[in-house]
Structure formats: structure tokens, C-alpha cells
N, C-alpha and C. Protein backbone atom coordinates (compact mmCIF):
# COMPACT_ATOMS: atom_id res chain seq x y z
N MET A 1 101.06 -83.95 36.52
CA MET A 1 101.98 -83.81 35.41
C MET A 1 101.39 -84.49 34.17
N GLU A 2 101.76 -83.96 33.03
CA GLU A 2 101.28 -84.50 31.77
C GLU A 2 102.47 -84.96 30.93
N ALA A 3 102.30 -86.08 30.28
CA ALA A 3 103.30 -86.60 29.36
C ALA A 3 102.64 -86.75 28.00
N ARG A 4 103.43 -86.53 26.95
CA ARG A 4 102.84 -86.62 25.62
C ARG A 4 103.73 -87.43 24.69
N ALA A 5 103.11 -87.85 23.60
CA ALA A 5 103.82 -88.56 22.55
C ALA A 5 103.25 -88.09 21.22
N ILE A 6 104.13 -87.88 20.25
CA ILE A 6 103.73 -87.41 18.93
C ILE A 6 104.28 -88.35 17.88
N THR A 7 103.44 -88.76 16.97
CA THR A 7 103.86 -89.56 15.83
C THR A 7 103.55 -88.75 14.58
N LYS A 8 104.56 -88.48 13.77
CA LYS A 8 104.36 -87.64 12.59
C LYS A 8 104.51 -88.45 11.31
N GLY A 9 103.78 -88.01 10.30
CA GLY A 9 103.92 -88.59 8.97
C GLY A 9 103.32 -89.96 8.80
N VAL A 10 102.28 -90.27 9.56
CA VAL A 10 101.62 -91.57 9.44
C VAL A 10 100.78 -91.57 8.17
N ARG A 11 100.88 -92.61 7.37
CA ARG A 11 100.15 -92.68 6.09
C ARG A 11 98.69 -93.04 6.32
N LEU A 12 97.95 -92.10 6.88
CA LEU A 12 96.53 -92.27 7.16
C LEU A 12 95.78 -91.01 6.80
N SER A 13 94.55 -91.13 6.47
CA SER A 13 93.68 -89.98 6.32
C SER A 13 93.31 -89.47 7.71
N THR A 14 93.34 -88.16 7.91
CA THR A 14 93.01 -87.62 9.23
C THR A 14 91.56 -87.90 9.59
N ARG A 15 90.70 -87.88 8.60
CA ARG A 15 89.28 -88.12 8.85
C ARG A 15 89.04 -89.53 9.39
N LYS A 16 89.73 -90.51 8.85
CA LYS A 16 89.57 -91.88 9.30
C LYS A 16 90.24 -92.11 10.66
N ALA A 17 91.37 -91.43 10.90
CA ALA A 17 92.05 -91.58 12.18
C ALA A 17 91.26 -90.93 13.31
N ARG A 18 90.54 -89.86 13.00
CA ARG A 18 89.76 -89.18 14.04
C ARG A 18 88.60 -90.03 14.54
N LEU A 19 88.13 -90.97 13.73
CA LEU A 19 87.09 -91.88 14.18
C LEU A 19 87.57 -92.72 15.37
N VAL A 20 88.82 -93.12 15.34
CA VAL A 20 89.38 -93.94 16.42
C VAL A 20 89.80 -93.06 17.59
N ILE A 21 90.39 -91.92 17.32
CA ILE A 21 90.92 -91.06 18.39
C ILE A 21 89.78 -90.49 19.24
N ASP A 22 88.61 -90.30 18.64
CA ASP A 22 87.46 -89.78 19.39
C ASP A 22 86.95 -90.79 20.42
N LEU A 23 87.20 -92.07 20.18
CA LEU A 23 86.74 -93.11 21.09
C LEU A 23 87.54 -93.12 22.40
N ILE A 24 88.81 -92.69 22.37
CA ILE A 24 89.66 -92.82 23.56
C ILE A 24 89.84 -91.51 24.33
N ARG A 25 89.42 -90.39 23.76
CA ARG A 25 89.62 -89.10 24.42
C ARG A 25 88.83 -89.06 25.74
N GLY A 26 89.52 -88.74 26.85
CA GLY A 26 88.89 -88.63 28.16
C GLY A 26 88.77 -89.93 28.93
N LYS A 27 89.18 -91.03 28.35
CA LYS A 27 89.08 -92.34 29.01
C LYS A 27 90.34 -92.61 29.83
N SER A 28 90.24 -93.58 30.73
CA SER A 28 91.43 -94.02 31.45
C SER A 28 92.34 -94.75 30.46
N VAL A 29 93.61 -94.80 30.80
CA VAL A 29 94.60 -95.36 29.87
C VAL A 29 94.34 -96.85 29.62
N ASN A 30 93.99 -97.58 30.66
CA ASN A 30 93.73 -99.01 30.49
C ASN A 30 92.53 -99.26 29.59
N GLU A 31 91.48 -98.46 29.78
CA GLU A 31 90.29 -98.59 28.95
C GLU A 31 90.59 -98.19 27.50
N ALA A 32 91.38 -97.14 27.34
CA ALA A 32 91.74 -96.68 25.99
C ALA A 32 92.56 -97.73 25.25
N LEU A 33 93.48 -98.39 25.95
CA LEU A 33 94.28 -99.45 25.32
C LEU A 33 93.40 -100.61 24.89
N GLN A 34 92.41 -100.96 25.70
CA GLN A 34 91.50 -102.04 25.32
C GLN A 34 90.68 -101.67 24.09
N ILE A 35 90.19 -100.42 24.05
CA ILE A 35 89.39 -99.98 22.91
C ILE A 35 90.20 -100.03 21.63
N VAL A 36 91.43 -99.52 21.69
CA VAL A 36 92.26 -99.45 20.49
C VAL A 36 92.74 -100.84 20.08
N SER A 37 93.00 -101.70 21.05
CA SER A 37 93.46 -103.05 20.73
C SER A 37 92.37 -103.87 20.04
N LEU A 38 91.12 -103.62 20.39
CA LEU A 38 90.02 -104.39 19.82
C LEU A 38 89.45 -103.77 18.55
N SER A 39 89.87 -102.58 18.21
CA SER A 39 89.37 -101.92 17.01
C SER A 39 90.01 -102.55 15.78
N ASN A 40 89.22 -102.68 14.70
CA ASN A 40 89.76 -103.27 13.49
C ASN A 40 90.02 -102.23 12.40
N LYS A 41 90.17 -100.97 12.79
CA LYS A 41 90.49 -99.90 11.86
C LYS A 41 91.99 -99.86 11.61
N LYS A 42 92.39 -99.35 10.45
CA LYS A 42 93.81 -99.24 10.13
C LYS A 42 94.50 -98.25 11.05
N ALA A 43 93.78 -97.23 11.49
CA ALA A 43 94.35 -96.19 12.35
C ALA A 43 94.62 -96.67 13.76
N ALA A 44 94.05 -97.80 14.16
CA ALA A 44 94.16 -98.26 15.54
C ALA A 44 95.59 -98.62 15.92
N ARG A 45 96.35 -99.19 15.00
CA ARG A 45 97.71 -99.62 15.34
C ARG A 45 98.66 -98.45 15.63
N PRO A 46 98.77 -97.43 14.75
CA PRO A 46 99.65 -96.31 15.11
C PRO A 46 99.15 -95.52 16.32
N ILE A 47 97.84 -95.47 16.54
CA ILE A 47 97.32 -94.77 17.71
C ILE A 47 97.67 -95.55 18.98
N ARG A 48 97.59 -96.88 18.92
CA ARG A 48 97.97 -97.70 20.08
C ARG A 48 99.44 -97.53 20.41
N LYS A 49 100.28 -97.51 19.39
CA LYS A 49 101.71 -97.35 19.62
C LYS A 49 102.04 -95.97 20.20
N THR A 50 101.33 -94.95 19.74
CA THR A 50 101.54 -93.60 20.27
C THR A 50 101.06 -93.52 21.72
N LEU A 51 99.94 -94.16 22.02
CA LEU A 51 99.42 -94.18 23.39
C LEU A 51 100.38 -94.91 24.33
N GLN A 52 100.92 -96.03 23.88
CA GLN A 52 101.89 -96.76 24.70
C GLN A 52 103.15 -95.94 24.93
N SER A 53 103.55 -95.16 23.94
CA SER A 53 104.72 -94.30 24.09
C SER A 53 104.45 -93.19 25.11
N ALA A 54 103.25 -92.62 25.09
CA ALA A 54 102.89 -91.58 26.05
C ALA A 54 102.86 -92.14 27.48
N ILE A 55 102.36 -93.37 27.62
CA ILE A 55 102.34 -94.02 28.93
C ILE A 55 103.76 -94.25 29.43
N ALA A 56 104.64 -94.73 28.54
CA ALA A 56 106.03 -94.96 28.92
C ALA A 56 106.73 -93.66 29.29
N ASN A 57 106.43 -92.58 28.58
CA ASN A 57 107.01 -91.28 28.92
C ASN A 57 106.56 -90.82 30.31
N ALA A 58 105.30 -91.05 30.64
CA ALA A 58 104.79 -90.66 31.96
C ALA A 58 105.45 -91.47 33.06
N GLU A 59 105.66 -92.75 32.81
CA GLU A 59 106.31 -93.60 33.82
C GLU A 59 107.77 -93.21 34.02
N ASP A 60 108.50 -93.02 32.93
CA ASP A 60 109.93 -92.78 33.02
C ASP A 60 110.27 -91.37 33.50
N LEU A 61 109.55 -90.38 32.98
CA LEU A 61 109.90 -88.99 33.28
C LEU A 61 109.33 -88.50 34.59
N TYR A 62 108.11 -88.93 34.94
CA TYR A 62 107.43 -88.36 36.10
C TYR A 62 107.08 -89.36 37.18
N ASP A 63 107.43 -90.63 37.01
CA ASP A 63 107.15 -91.69 38.00
C ASP A 63 105.67 -91.72 38.40
N ILE A 64 104.79 -91.67 37.42
CA ILE A 64 103.35 -91.69 37.67
C ILE A 64 102.86 -93.13 37.56
N ASP A 65 101.95 -93.51 38.44
CA ASP A 65 101.35 -94.84 38.40
C ASP A 65 100.42 -94.93 37.19
N VAL A 66 100.51 -96.01 36.46
CA VAL A 66 99.76 -96.17 35.21
C VAL A 66 98.26 -96.21 35.46
N ASP A 67 97.84 -96.76 36.60
CA ASP A 67 96.42 -96.89 36.89
C ASP A 67 95.74 -95.55 37.12
N GLN A 68 96.51 -94.50 37.37
CA GLN A 68 95.95 -93.17 37.62
C GLN A 68 95.95 -92.29 36.37
N LEU A 69 96.43 -92.80 35.26
CA LEU A 69 96.55 -91.99 34.05
C LEU A 69 95.25 -91.97 33.24
N PHE A 70 94.99 -90.81 32.64
CA PHE A 70 93.86 -90.63 31.73
C PHE A 70 94.36 -89.98 30.46
N VAL A 71 93.63 -90.17 29.38
CA VAL A 71 93.94 -89.50 28.12
C VAL A 71 93.36 -88.09 28.21
N VAL A 72 94.24 -87.12 28.43
CA VAL A 72 93.80 -85.74 28.62
C VAL A 72 93.46 -85.10 27.28
N ARG A 73 94.36 -85.21 26.31
CA ARG A 73 94.13 -84.67 24.96
C ARG A 73 94.58 -85.71 23.95
N ALA A 74 93.84 -85.79 22.87
CA ALA A 74 94.19 -86.69 21.77
C ALA A 74 93.74 -86.02 20.48
N THR A 75 94.70 -85.70 19.62
CA THR A 75 94.37 -85.01 18.37
C THR A 75 95.04 -85.69 17.19
N VAL A 76 94.42 -85.52 16.05
CA VAL A 76 95.01 -85.97 14.78
C VAL A 76 94.98 -84.77 13.85
N ASP A 77 96.15 -84.32 13.42
CA ASP A 77 96.27 -83.17 12.53
C ASP A 77 96.73 -83.62 11.16
N MET A 78 96.44 -82.79 10.17
CA MET A 78 96.84 -83.11 8.81
C MET A 78 98.33 -82.90 8.62
N GLY A 79 98.98 -83.86 8.01
CA GLY A 79 100.40 -83.75 7.70
C GLY A 79 100.58 -83.36 6.24
N ARG A 80 101.81 -83.40 5.81
CA ARG A 80 102.12 -83.06 4.43
C ARG A 80 101.66 -84.19 3.52
N GLY A 81 100.97 -83.85 2.46
CA GLY A 81 100.47 -84.87 1.54
C GLY A 81 101.56 -85.33 0.58
N LEU A 82 101.62 -86.62 0.34
CA LEU A 82 102.55 -87.16 -0.64
C LEU A 82 101.94 -86.97 -2.03
N ARG A 83 102.72 -86.51 -2.96
CA ARG A 83 102.22 -86.29 -4.32
C ARG A 83 102.70 -87.39 -5.24
N ARG A 84 101.76 -87.96 -5.95
CA ARG A 84 102.06 -89.00 -6.91
C ARG A 84 101.44 -88.63 -8.25
N LEU A 85 102.06 -89.06 -9.35
CA LEU A 85 101.54 -88.79 -10.68
C LEU A 85 100.83 -90.02 -11.21
N LYS A 86 99.68 -89.78 -11.84
CA LYS A 86 98.91 -90.87 -12.44
C LYS A 86 98.73 -90.57 -13.92
N PRO A 87 99.16 -91.46 -14.78
CA PRO A 87 99.02 -91.22 -16.22
C PRO A 87 97.55 -91.14 -16.63
N ARG A 88 97.27 -90.20 -17.54
CA ARG A 88 95.92 -90.02 -18.06
C ARG A 88 95.95 -90.08 -19.59
N ALA A 89 94.83 -89.83 -20.19
CA ALA A 89 94.70 -89.94 -21.64
C ALA A 89 95.50 -88.86 -22.36
N MET A 90 95.94 -89.17 -23.56
CA MET A 90 96.63 -88.24 -24.46
C MET A 90 97.90 -87.64 -23.85
N GLY A 91 98.63 -88.46 -23.10
CA GLY A 91 99.92 -88.04 -22.59
C GLY A 91 99.89 -87.12 -21.39
N ARG A 92 98.74 -86.91 -20.82
CA ARG A 92 98.64 -86.02 -19.65
C ARG A 92 98.91 -86.81 -18.37
N ALA A 93 99.02 -86.05 -17.26
CA ALA A 93 99.22 -86.67 -15.95
C ALA A 93 98.43 -85.88 -14.91
N ASP A 94 97.83 -86.60 -13.97
CA ASP A 94 97.12 -85.98 -12.85
C ASP A 94 97.93 -86.20 -11.58
N ILE A 95 97.82 -85.25 -10.66
CA ILE A 95 98.48 -85.37 -9.36
C ILE A 95 97.52 -86.03 -8.39
N ILE A 96 97.97 -87.11 -7.77
CA ILE A 96 97.22 -87.80 -6.73
C ILE A 96 97.88 -87.45 -5.41
N ARG A 97 97.10 -86.98 -4.46
CA ARG A 97 97.64 -86.61 -3.15
C ARG A 97 97.33 -87.71 -2.14
N ARG A 98 98.37 -88.26 -1.54
CA ARG A 98 98.22 -89.30 -0.53
C ARG A 98 98.31 -88.62 0.84
N PRO A 99 97.27 -88.70 1.67
CA PRO A 99 97.27 -87.96 2.92
C PRO A 99 98.18 -88.58 3.98
N THR A 100 98.73 -87.72 4.83
CA THR A 100 99.48 -88.15 6.01
C THR A 100 98.90 -87.43 7.22
N SER A 101 99.19 -87.96 8.41
CA SER A 101 98.63 -87.43 9.64
C SER A 101 99.70 -87.32 10.72
N HIS A 102 99.46 -86.41 11.66
CA HIS A 102 100.28 -86.28 12.86
C HIS A 102 99.38 -86.62 14.05
N ILE A 103 99.79 -87.62 14.83
CA ILE A 103 99.00 -88.07 15.99
C ILE A 103 99.66 -87.54 17.25
N THR A 104 98.87 -86.86 18.10
CA THR A 104 99.37 -86.33 19.37
C THR A 104 98.47 -86.84 20.49
N ILE A 105 99.08 -87.48 21.49
CA ILE A 105 98.33 -87.98 22.64
C ILE A 105 99.00 -87.48 23.91
N VAL A 106 98.20 -86.85 24.80
CA VAL A 106 98.69 -86.34 26.07
C VAL A 106 97.97 -87.10 27.19
N VAL A 107 98.74 -87.69 28.09
CA VAL A 107 98.17 -88.40 29.24
C VAL A 107 98.56 -87.67 30.51
N GLY A 108 97.68 -87.73 31.50
CA GLY A 108 97.95 -87.07 32.76
C GLY A 108 97.12 -87.70 33.86
N GLU A 109 97.35 -87.21 35.08
CA GLU A 109 96.63 -87.73 36.24
C GLU A 109 95.25 -87.08 36.34
N GLY A 110 94.29 -87.83 36.83
CA GLY A 110 92.94 -87.30 37.01
C GLY A 110 92.15 -87.31 35.72
N GLY A 111 90.83 -87.22 35.84
CA GLY A 111 89.96 -87.23 34.68
C GLY A 111 90.03 -85.93 33.90
N ALA A 112 89.58 -85.98 32.67
CA ALA A 112 89.65 -84.79 31.82
C ALA A 112 88.54 -83.81 32.15
């Protein structure tokens, strides 16, 4: 059985979050938690929280032992960008787009 957790609208660039998510894909859950806990990237905290949520979902919904869980799929998709205005010369304004991300982590039994 597979359990998943999704976190939407995280104020992160998808490119920067994928650097962290690539490190845990295919690893055991315990090893993935250690990697994310020791990472000093900004993306590590929301990814760790999403991973812990996926583990809790697997325990509660399917009664799976945590030691047998692996990260089956882990993706970071682009979310809706926040638009902000920045004043420019001669009364003009530029649109600044602040990126958001959707983090999806699927855990299951057995290796990937």
C-alpha cells in the first residue's frame, strides 16, 4: 500500500526545492528523514514536514511498519505565482512574481 501527503502553496522556488527532493527519492524513510533534518536548505523544513505527514498517513490508514517504508515518489511542482508590484522610474510599475510550489511525497513498502 502507498500513502501520500501533499503540501500546496509553499513559498519556495521549485528549482531550489528539487535540489532537496532529489536527495530523498528512493531512500528508506528513516534515511530520508536524516538527510532532510541535516540539510541547511530553506526547502528542507517543508519537505520534512510533508514526509512526516506521509509516514503518519501510512501508519494510521494502512497499519504499515515505519521501518519497511520507502519514498516511492517525491515531486515538486510549480504552484501559482504571487504577483507583487515594484515601483520604477517615471511613475511606472513592474510586476514581480514570487514563486510557490506544491510538494508531493508518496511512501510505500519495498524499494522503488
